[in-house]
């Protein structure tokens, strides 16, 4: 993958993650309540859902920010894919099948960027670590 294509794809998925986290900060309690309510009838205990619902926006924000600036890109991509796997699991438990394609698309992009990480020629990783 050439560096420009890699950069554009990294920026796109980074902006998606960054935006997901950013818009949830001002309404963190409401987001958590929405998530807890959505999982009431699932087998997941509230003791797991509550901390995850508060941590998720921060994880999305940080992963998105790192991808946008191109710092610790490989770790951010692996973390992003891991979060998506957790979200897919949770989404499956509540049978929200409409949300899964979007989550799968994110995973495909994360994995594609990992597969072609040699194309990551523009970002702070290159300036700091000389990769």
N, C-alpha and C. Protein backbone atom coordinates (compact mmCIF):
# COMPACT_ATOMS: atom_id res chain seq x y z
N UNK A 1 0.87 -1.17 0.00
CA UNK A 1 0.00 0.00 0.00
C UNK A 1 0.91 1.23 0.00
N UNK A 2 0.61 2.18 -0.86
CA UNK A 2 1.45 3.38 -0.88
C UNK A 2 1.14 4.27 0.34
N UNK A 3 2.06 5.16 0.64
CA UNK A 3 1.95 5.94 1.87
C UNK A 3 0.73 6.86 1.90
N UNK A 4 0.36 7.39 0.74
CA UNK A 4 -0.81 8.29 0.71
C UNK A 4 -2.09 7.51 0.98
N UNK A 5 -2.24 6.35 0.37
CA UNK A 5 -3.42 5.52 0.59
C UNK A 5 -3.49 5.08 2.05
N UNK A 6 -2.35 4.67 2.59
CA UNK A 6 -2.30 4.25 3.99
C UNK A 6 -2.70 5.40 4.91
N UNK A 7 -2.14 6.57 4.66
CA UNK A 7 -2.45 7.75 5.47
C UNK A 7 -3.94 8.05 5.45
N UNK A 8 -4.54 8.05 4.27
CA UNK A 8 -5.96 8.38 4.16
C UNK A 8 -6.83 7.37 4.90
N UNK A 9 -6.50 6.09 4.78
CA UNK A 9 -7.28 5.06 5.47
C UNK A 9 -7.07 5.15 6.99
N UNK A 10 -5.83 5.39 7.41
CA UNK A 10 -5.54 5.55 8.83
C UNK A 10 -6.27 6.77 9.40
N UNK A 11 -6.27 7.87 8.66
CA UNK A 11 -6.99 9.07 9.10
C UNK A 11 -8.49 8.83 9.18
N UNK A 12 -9.03 8.10 8.22
CA UNK A 12 -10.48 7.85 8.21
C UNK A 12 -10.92 7.04 9.42
N UNK A 13 -10.25 5.93 9.68
CA UNK A 13 -10.66 5.10 10.81
C UNK A 13 -10.29 5.78 12.13
N UNK A 14 -9.19 6.53 12.14
CA UNK A 14 -8.81 7.28 13.33
C UNK A 14 -9.84 8.35 13.67
N UNK A 15 -10.32 9.05 12.65
CA UNK A 15 -11.33 10.08 12.86
C UNK A 15 -12.64 9.48 13.35
N UNK A 16 -12.99 8.32 12.83
CA UNK A 16 -14.20 7.63 13.29
C UNK A 16 -14.10 7.30 14.77
N UNK A 17 -12.99 6.72 15.18
CA UNK A 17 -12.82 6.37 16.59
C UNK A 17 -12.75 7.63 17.46
N UNK A 18 -11.98 8.61 17.04
CA UNK A 18 -11.84 9.86 17.77
C UNK A 18 -13.20 10.52 17.97
N UNK A 19 -13.97 10.60 16.90
CA UNK A 19 -15.30 11.21 16.96
C UNK A 19 -16.25 10.46 17.87
N UNK A 20 -16.21 9.11 17.81
CA UNK A 20 -17.06 8.32 18.70
C UNK A 20 -16.79 8.65 20.16
N UNK A 21 -15.51 8.74 20.51
CA UNK A 21 -15.16 9.06 21.89
C UNK A 21 -15.50 10.49 22.26
N UNK A 22 -15.14 11.42 21.38
CA UNK A 22 -15.31 12.85 21.66
C UNK A 22 -16.75 13.23 21.94
N UNK A 23 -17.69 12.76 21.12
CA UNK A 23 -19.08 13.17 21.30
C UNK A 23 -19.72 12.57 22.55
N UNK A 24 -19.09 11.54 23.10
CA UNK A 24 -19.66 10.90 24.28
C UNK A 24 -19.19 11.53 25.59
N UNK A 25 -18.10 12.30 25.54
CA UNK A 25 -17.58 12.90 26.78
C UNK A 25 -18.60 13.80 27.48
N UNK A 26 -19.26 14.72 26.77
CA UNK A 26 -20.19 15.61 27.47
C UNK A 26 -21.42 14.90 28.03
N UNK A 27 -21.70 13.73 27.54
CA UNK A 27 -22.88 12.99 27.99
C UNK A 27 -22.49 11.60 28.50
N UNK A 28 -21.37 11.52 29.20
CA UNK A 28 -20.83 10.24 29.63
C UNK A 28 -21.80 9.43 30.49
N UNK A 29 -22.44 10.08 31.45
CA UNK A 29 -23.41 9.37 32.30
C UNK A 29 -24.60 8.88 31.50
N UNK A 30 -25.10 9.73 30.61
CA UNK A 30 -26.24 9.33 29.77
C UNK A 30 -25.85 8.18 28.86
N UNK A 31 -24.63 8.22 28.30
CA UNK A 31 -24.16 7.13 27.45
C UNK A 31 -24.07 5.84 28.25
N UNK A 32 -23.51 5.92 29.46
CA UNK A 32 -23.40 4.74 30.30
C UNK A 32 -24.78 4.18 30.64
N UNK A 33 -25.70 5.05 31.01
CA UNK A 33 -27.07 4.59 31.32
C UNK A 33 -27.71 3.93 30.12
N UNK A 34 -27.51 4.50 28.92
CA UNK A 34 -28.06 3.93 27.69
C UNK A 34 -27.49 2.52 27.46
N UNK A 35 -26.19 2.38 27.66
CA UNK A 35 -25.55 1.09 27.45
C UNK A 35 -26.02 0.06 28.48
N UNK A 36 -26.09 0.47 29.73
CA UNK A 36 -26.55 -0.43 30.79
C UNK A 36 -27.98 -0.87 30.51
N UNK A 37 -28.83 0.06 30.13
CA UNK A 37 -30.22 -0.28 29.80
C UNK A 37 -30.28 -1.26 28.63
N UNK A 38 -29.43 -1.05 27.64
CA UNK A 38 -29.40 -1.93 26.48
C UNK A 38 -28.97 -3.35 26.80
N UNK A 39 -28.22 -3.52 27.87
CA UNK A 39 -27.71 -4.85 28.23
C UNK A 39 -28.46 -5.48 29.41
N UNK A 40 -29.55 -4.85 29.85
CA UNK A 40 -30.31 -5.39 30.99
C UNK A 40 -30.78 -6.81 30.75
N UNK A 41 -31.18 -7.12 29.54
CA UNK A 41 -31.73 -8.45 29.26
C UNK A 41 -30.67 -9.41 28.71
N UNK A 42 -29.43 -8.98 28.70
CA UNK A 42 -28.36 -9.86 28.23
C UNK A 42 -27.79 -10.64 29.41
N UNK A 43 -26.91 -11.57 29.10
CA UNK A 43 -26.27 -12.36 30.16
C UNK A 43 -25.09 -11.64 30.80
N UNK A 44 -24.73 -10.46 30.27
CA UNK A 44 -23.62 -9.71 30.86
C UNK A 44 -24.05 -9.04 32.16
N UNK A 45 -23.29 -9.23 33.21
CA UNK A 45 -23.66 -8.57 34.48
C UNK A 45 -23.40 -7.07 34.41
N UNK A 46 -24.23 -6.33 35.10
CA UNK A 46 -24.10 -4.87 35.14
C UNK A 46 -22.72 -4.46 35.66
N UNK A 47 -22.13 -5.29 36.51
CA UNK A 47 -20.80 -5.00 37.06
C UNK A 47 -19.72 -4.95 35.98
N UNK A 48 -19.96 -5.58 34.84
CA UNK A 48 -19.03 -5.48 33.70
C UNK A 48 -19.43 -4.36 32.74
N UNK A 49 -20.72 -4.18 32.56
CA UNK A 49 -21.20 -3.21 31.58
C UNK A 49 -20.89 -1.78 32.02
N UNK A 50 -21.09 -1.48 33.28
CA UNK A 50 -20.90 -0.10 33.76
C UNK A 50 -19.46 0.38 33.56
N UNK A 51 -18.45 -0.35 34.04
CA UNK A 51 -17.09 0.18 33.83
C UNK A 51 -16.70 0.23 32.35
N UNK A 52 -17.16 -0.74 31.57
CA UNK A 52 -16.86 -0.73 30.14
C UNK A 52 -17.50 0.49 29.47
N UNK A 53 -18.73 0.80 29.87
CA UNK A 53 -19.44 1.93 29.26
C UNK A 53 -18.75 3.27 29.57
N UNK A 54 -18.10 3.37 30.71
CA UNK A 54 -17.38 4.59 31.04
C UNK A 54 -15.99 4.61 30.40
N UNK A 55 -15.39 3.46 30.23
CA UNK A 55 -14.04 3.39 29.64
C UNK A 55 -14.06 3.50 28.11
N UNK A 56 -15.12 3.00 27.48
CA UNK A 56 -15.17 2.94 26.02
C UNK A 56 -14.92 4.28 25.34
N UNK A 57 -15.59 5.37 25.73
CA UNK A 57 -15.31 6.63 25.04
C UNK A 57 -13.85 7.08 25.15
N UNK A 58 -13.23 6.83 26.28
CA UNK A 58 -11.82 7.21 26.46
C UNK A 58 -10.92 6.36 25.56
N UNK A 59 -11.23 5.05 25.48
CA UNK A 59 -10.45 4.17 24.61
C UNK A 59 -10.61 4.58 23.15
N UNK A 60 -11.84 4.86 22.74
CA UNK A 60 -12.09 5.28 21.36
C UNK A 60 -11.34 6.57 21.05
N UNK A 61 -11.42 7.52 21.96
CA UNK A 61 -10.78 8.82 21.78
C UNK A 61 -9.26 8.67 21.64
N UNK A 62 -8.65 7.95 22.56
CA UNK A 62 -7.19 7.79 22.55
C UNK A 62 -6.73 7.03 21.31
N UNK A 63 -7.40 5.94 20.99
CA UNK A 63 -7.03 5.17 19.79
C UNK A 63 -7.17 6.04 18.55
N UNK A 64 -8.27 6.76 18.45
CA UNK A 64 -8.47 7.64 17.31
C UNK A 64 -7.41 8.71 17.22
N UNK A 65 -7.09 9.34 18.34
CA UNK A 65 -6.06 10.38 18.36
C UNK A 65 -4.71 9.82 17.92
N UNK A 66 -4.33 8.67 18.46
CA UNK A 66 -3.05 8.06 18.08
C UNK A 66 -3.00 7.73 16.59
N UNK A 67 -4.11 7.26 16.04
CA UNK A 67 -4.13 6.95 14.61
C UNK A 67 -4.06 8.22 13.77
N UNK A 68 -4.73 9.26 14.20
CA UNK A 68 -4.70 10.52 13.45
C UNK A 68 -3.28 11.08 13.39
N UNK A 69 -2.58 11.06 14.51
CA UNK A 69 -1.23 11.62 14.52
C UNK A 69 -0.17 10.60 14.10
N UNK A 70 -0.56 9.34 13.99
CA UNK A 70 0.37 8.31 13.55
C UNK A 70 1.41 7.93 14.59
N UNK A 71 0.99 7.86 15.84
CA UNK A 71 1.89 7.51 16.94
C UNK A 71 1.45 6.18 17.56
N UNK A 72 2.41 5.30 17.78
CA UNK A 72 2.11 3.95 18.29
C UNK A 72 1.02 3.29 17.44
N UNK A 73 1.17 3.44 16.14
CA UNK A 73 0.13 3.02 15.20
C UNK A 73 -0.22 1.55 15.32
N UNK A 74 0.78 0.69 15.40
CA UNK A 74 0.49 -0.74 15.47
C UNK A 74 -0.28 -1.09 16.74
N UNK A 75 0.12 -0.54 17.87
CA UNK A 75 -0.59 -0.79 19.13
C UNK A 75 -2.02 -0.25 19.05
N UNK A 76 -2.18 0.93 18.47
CA UNK A 76 -3.52 1.52 18.33
C UNK A 76 -4.41 0.66 17.44
N UNK A 77 -3.85 0.13 16.36
CA UNK A 77 -4.64 -0.71 15.46
C UNK A 77 -5.06 -2.02 16.14
N UNK A 78 -4.15 -2.63 16.85
CA UNK A 78 -4.48 -3.87 17.56
C UNK A 78 -5.51 -3.60 18.65
N UNK A 79 -5.33 -2.51 19.38
CA UNK A 79 -6.29 -2.13 20.43
C UNK A 79 -7.66 -1.84 19.84
N UNK A 80 -7.68 -1.11 18.72
CA UNK A 80 -8.95 -0.80 18.07
C UNK A 80 -9.68 -2.05 17.62
N UNK A 81 -8.94 -2.99 17.03
CA UNK A 81 -9.56 -4.24 16.61
C UNK A 81 -10.08 -5.02 17.81
N UNK A 82 -9.32 -5.01 18.90
CA UNK A 82 -9.76 -5.70 20.12
C UNK A 82 -11.04 -5.11 20.69
N UNK A 83 -11.12 -3.80 20.71
CA UNK A 83 -12.35 -3.14 21.18
C UNK A 83 -13.53 -3.53 20.29
N UNK A 84 -13.29 -3.55 18.99
CA UNK A 84 -14.37 -3.92 18.07
C UNK A 84 -14.83 -5.36 18.31
N UNK A 85 -13.90 -6.25 18.60
CA UNK A 85 -14.27 -7.64 18.89
C UNK A 85 -15.16 -7.68 20.14
N UNK A 86 -14.80 -6.91 21.16
CA UNK A 86 -15.64 -6.84 22.36
C UNK A 86 -17.02 -6.27 22.04
N UNK A 87 -17.05 -5.22 21.21
CA UNK A 87 -18.33 -4.62 20.83
C UNK A 87 -19.19 -5.60 20.01
N UNK A 88 -18.55 -6.34 19.13
CA UNK A 88 -19.29 -7.34 18.34
C UNK A 88 -19.88 -8.41 19.26
N UNK A 89 -19.11 -8.84 20.24
CA UNK A 89 -19.61 -9.82 21.20
C UNK A 89 -20.83 -9.27 21.94
N UNK A 90 -20.70 -8.07 22.48
CA UNK A 90 -21.81 -7.46 23.20
C UNK A 90 -23.03 -7.23 22.31
N UNK A 91 -22.77 -6.77 21.09
CA UNK A 91 -23.85 -6.52 20.15
C UNK A 91 -24.58 -7.81 19.81
N UNK A 92 -23.83 -8.90 19.72
CA UNK A 92 -24.45 -10.21 19.45
C UNK A 92 -25.33 -10.66 20.62
N UNK A 93 -24.86 -10.40 21.84
CA UNK A 93 -25.64 -10.82 23.01
C UNK A 93 -26.99 -10.13 23.10
N UNK A 94 -27.08 -8.91 22.58
CA UNK A 94 -28.36 -8.21 22.61
C UNK A 94 -29.07 -8.29 21.26
N UNK A 95 -28.51 -9.09 20.37
CA UNK A 95 -29.10 -9.35 19.05
C UNK A 95 -29.35 -8.08 18.25
N UNK A 96 -28.40 -7.17 18.32
CA UNK A 96 -28.48 -5.93 17.53
C UNK A 96 -27.71 -6.14 16.23
N UNK A 97 -28.27 -6.96 15.38
CA UNK A 97 -27.58 -7.40 14.16
C UNK A 97 -27.30 -6.25 13.21
N UNK A 98 -28.07 -5.17 13.28
CA UNK A 98 -27.87 -4.03 12.38
C UNK A 98 -26.56 -3.30 12.65
N UNK A 99 -26.06 -3.36 13.88
CA UNK A 99 -24.84 -2.62 14.25
C UNK A 99 -23.56 -3.39 13.88
N UNK A 100 -23.67 -4.70 13.72
CA UNK A 100 -22.48 -5.52 13.50
C UNK A 100 -21.75 -5.20 12.20
N UNK A 101 -22.43 -4.95 11.07
CA UNK A 101 -21.65 -4.63 9.85
C UNK A 101 -20.71 -3.44 10.02
N UNK A 102 -21.14 -2.40 10.69
CA UNK A 102 -20.27 -1.25 10.92
C UNK A 102 -19.05 -1.63 11.76
N UNK A 103 -19.28 -2.44 12.77
CA UNK A 103 -18.18 -2.89 13.62
C UNK A 103 -17.22 -3.78 12.84
N UNK A 104 -17.76 -4.65 12.00
CA UNK A 104 -16.92 -5.52 11.18
C UNK A 104 -16.10 -4.71 10.18
N UNK A 105 -16.69 -3.67 9.63
CA UNK A 105 -15.94 -2.81 8.69
C UNK A 105 -14.75 -2.18 9.40
N UNK A 106 -14.95 -1.72 10.62
CA UNK A 106 -13.83 -1.17 11.39
C UNK A 106 -12.73 -2.23 11.57
N UNK A 107 -13.13 -3.46 11.91
CA UNK A 107 -12.14 -4.53 12.08
C UNK A 107 -11.38 -4.77 10.79
N UNK A 108 -12.08 -4.82 9.67
CA UNK A 108 -11.42 -5.04 8.38
C UNK A 108 -10.40 -3.94 8.10
N UNK A 109 -10.75 -2.71 8.40
CA UNK A 109 -9.82 -1.60 8.18
C UNK A 109 -8.62 -1.70 9.12
N UNK A 110 -8.87 -1.99 10.40
CA UNK A 110 -7.76 -2.16 11.34
C UNK A 110 -6.81 -3.27 10.87
N UNK A 111 -7.38 -4.40 10.49
CA UNK A 111 -6.56 -5.53 10.05
C UNK A 111 -5.83 -5.21 8.74
N UNK A 112 -6.50 -4.54 7.83
CA UNK A 112 -5.85 -4.15 6.57
C UNK A 112 -4.68 -3.22 6.81
N UNK A 113 -4.86 -2.27 7.71
CA UNK A 113 -3.76 -1.36 8.03
C UNK A 113 -2.62 -2.09 8.72
N UNK A 114 -2.95 -3.06 9.56
CA UNK A 114 -1.89 -3.88 10.17
C UNK A 114 -1.14 -4.69 9.12
N UNK A 115 -1.90 -5.28 8.21
CA UNK A 115 -1.30 -6.11 7.16
C UNK A 115 -0.34 -5.30 6.29
N UNK A 116 -0.69 -4.07 6.03
CA UNK A 116 0.11 -3.23 5.13
C UNK A 116 0.84 -2.12 5.89
N UNK A 117 1.27 -2.42 7.13
CA UNK A 117 1.90 -1.39 7.96
C UNK A 117 3.18 -0.84 7.34
N UNK A 118 3.74 -1.52 6.37
CA UNK A 118 4.90 -1.00 5.66
C UNK A 118 4.58 0.27 4.90
N UNK A 119 3.29 0.50 4.62
CA UNK A 119 2.87 1.72 3.93
C UNK A 119 2.71 2.92 4.85
N UNK A 120 2.91 2.70 6.15
CA UNK A 120 2.73 3.77 7.13
C UNK A 120 3.98 4.66 7.15
N UNK A 121 4.10 5.50 6.15
CA UNK A 121 5.29 6.34 6.02
C UNK A 121 5.12 7.77 6.46
N UNK A 122 3.91 8.14 6.85
CA UNK A 122 3.64 9.53 7.24
C UNK A 122 2.99 9.52 8.62
N UNK A 123 3.71 10.03 9.62
CA UNK A 123 3.17 10.08 10.97
C UNK A 123 4.29 10.26 11.97
N UNK A 124 3.92 10.40 13.22
CA UNK A 124 4.91 10.62 14.27
C UNK A 124 5.78 9.40 14.53
N UNK A 125 5.28 8.20 14.25
CA UNK A 125 6.12 7.01 14.40
C UNK A 125 7.42 7.17 13.61
N UNK A 126 7.32 7.69 12.38
CA UNK A 126 8.48 7.83 11.52
C UNK A 126 9.41 8.93 12.03
N UNK A 127 8.85 9.99 12.56
CA UNK A 127 9.68 11.09 13.07
C UNK A 127 10.40 10.71 14.36
N UNK A 128 9.69 10.02 15.24
CA UNK A 128 10.24 9.71 16.56
C UNK A 128 11.10 8.43 16.55
N UNK A 129 10.54 7.39 15.93
CA UNK A 129 11.20 6.08 15.98
C UNK A 129 11.97 5.73 14.74
N UNK A 130 11.91 6.58 13.74
CA UNK A 130 12.64 6.38 12.48
C UNK A 130 12.33 5.03 11.84
N UNK A 131 11.05 4.62 11.91
CA UNK A 131 10.60 3.35 11.31
C UNK A 131 10.54 3.44 9.82
